Amino acid sequence: MNYRELTRKLRVLGCEFDRQAKGDHEIWIRPTAGARTTIPNWGSTDLRTGAPGAVPRDLGITRIELDHT
C-alpha cells in the first residue's frame, strides 16, 4: 500500500490531515476517537510493511475496516 491509497482510505473512515511533521512525515488524526498517528508521505512508493498495520492500531481502526474501504 502506498501513501495515496492509505490516506484515501483514512479520509473515507473519517480521519483528517492535521499538520506536517519532521521531514516527509505527516500527522493524521481521527477526531471521533481523539487519536493520532504519523504517516510517511512517500507518494506512490510503497510504505514499509509495518506502517499499514500500525496506522489503524494508532487510530483505533480495525485492519478489516481499512481493507474494505
Protein backbone atom coordinates (compact mmCIF):
# COMPACT_ATOMS: atom_id res chain seq x y z
CA MET A 1 0.00 0.00 0.00
CA ASN A 2 1.32 3.45 -0.82
CA TYR A 3 0.71 6.84 0.81
CA ARG A 4 -2.04 7.88 -1.59
CA GLU A 5 -4.02 4.67 -1.11
CA LEU A 6 -3.67 4.82 2.67
CA THR A 7 -4.73 8.46 3.00
CA ARG A 8 -7.72 7.95 0.67
CA LYS A 9 -8.92 5.11 2.90
CA LEU A 10 -8.32 7.13 6.06
CA ARG A 11 -10.40 10.03 4.74
CA VAL A 12 -13.29 7.65 3.99
CA LEU A 13 -13.06 6.42 7.59
CA GLY A 14 -13.30 9.97 8.98
CA CYS A 15 -9.62 10.76 9.55
CA GLU A 16 -8.09 14.15 8.72
CA PHE A 17 -4.69 15.60 7.95
CA ASP A 18 -3.56 17.60 10.99
CA ARG A 19 -0.13 19.00 10.20
CA GLN A 20 3.24 18.44 8.62
CA ALA A 21 5.77 16.70 10.86
CA LYS A 22 9.52 16.39 10.59
CA GLY A 23 10.85 15.64 7.12
CA ASP A 24 8.41 13.83 4.85
CA HIS A 25 6.07 12.70 7.63
CA GLU A 26 2.55 13.93 8.40
CA ILE A 27 0.33 13.83 11.47
CA TRP A 28 -3.17 12.44 10.84
CA ILE A 29 -5.99 12.50 13.40
CA ARG A 30 -9.29 10.74 13.96
CA PRO A 31 -11.39 13.37 15.74
CA THR A 32 -14.14 11.00 16.85
CA ALA A 33 -11.65 8.84 18.75
CA GLY A 34 -9.23 11.58 19.80
CA ALA A 35 -6.39 9.56 18.26
CA ARG A 36 -3.44 10.47 16.06
CA THR A 37 -0.66 8.82 14.09
CA THR A 38 2.32 9.67 11.91
CA ILE A 39 2.43 8.65 8.25
CA PRO A 40 5.41 8.96 5.91
CA ASN A 41 4.49 10.83 2.72
CA TRP A 42 6.32 8.82 0.07
CA GLY A 43 3.84 9.49 -2.74
CA SER A 44 3.47 6.45 -4.98
CA THR A 45 6.28 4.50 -3.30
CA ASP A 46 5.05 1.57 -1.19
CA LEU A 47 5.16 2.09 2.56
CA ARG A 48 7.12 -0.33 4.69
CA THR A 49 5.17 -3.37 5.83
CA GLY A 50 4.72 -2.11 9.39
CA ALA A 51 3.09 1.24 8.54
CA PRO A 52 -0.26 -0.05 7.21
CA GLY A 53 -0.56 -2.19 10.36
CA ALA A 54 0.47 0.46 12.88
CA VAL A 55 -1.63 3.30 11.49
CA PRO A 56 -5.05 1.66 12.05
CA ARG A 57 -3.98 0.50 15.50
CA ASP A 58 -2.93 4.05 16.45
CA LEU A 59 -6.23 5.49 15.18
CA GLY A 60 -8.50 2.82 16.67
CA ILE A 61 -9.49 1.37 13.29
CA THR A 62 -9.56 -2.36 12.62
CA ARG A 63 -7.48 -3.72 9.79
CA ILE A 64 -10.70 -5.14 8.28
CA GLU A 65 -12.26 -1.66 8.16
CA LEU A 66 -9.17 -0.30 6.45
CA ASP A 67 -9.00 -3.14 3.91
CA HIS A 68 -12.68 -2.84 2.96
CA THR A 69 -12.75 0.88 2.17
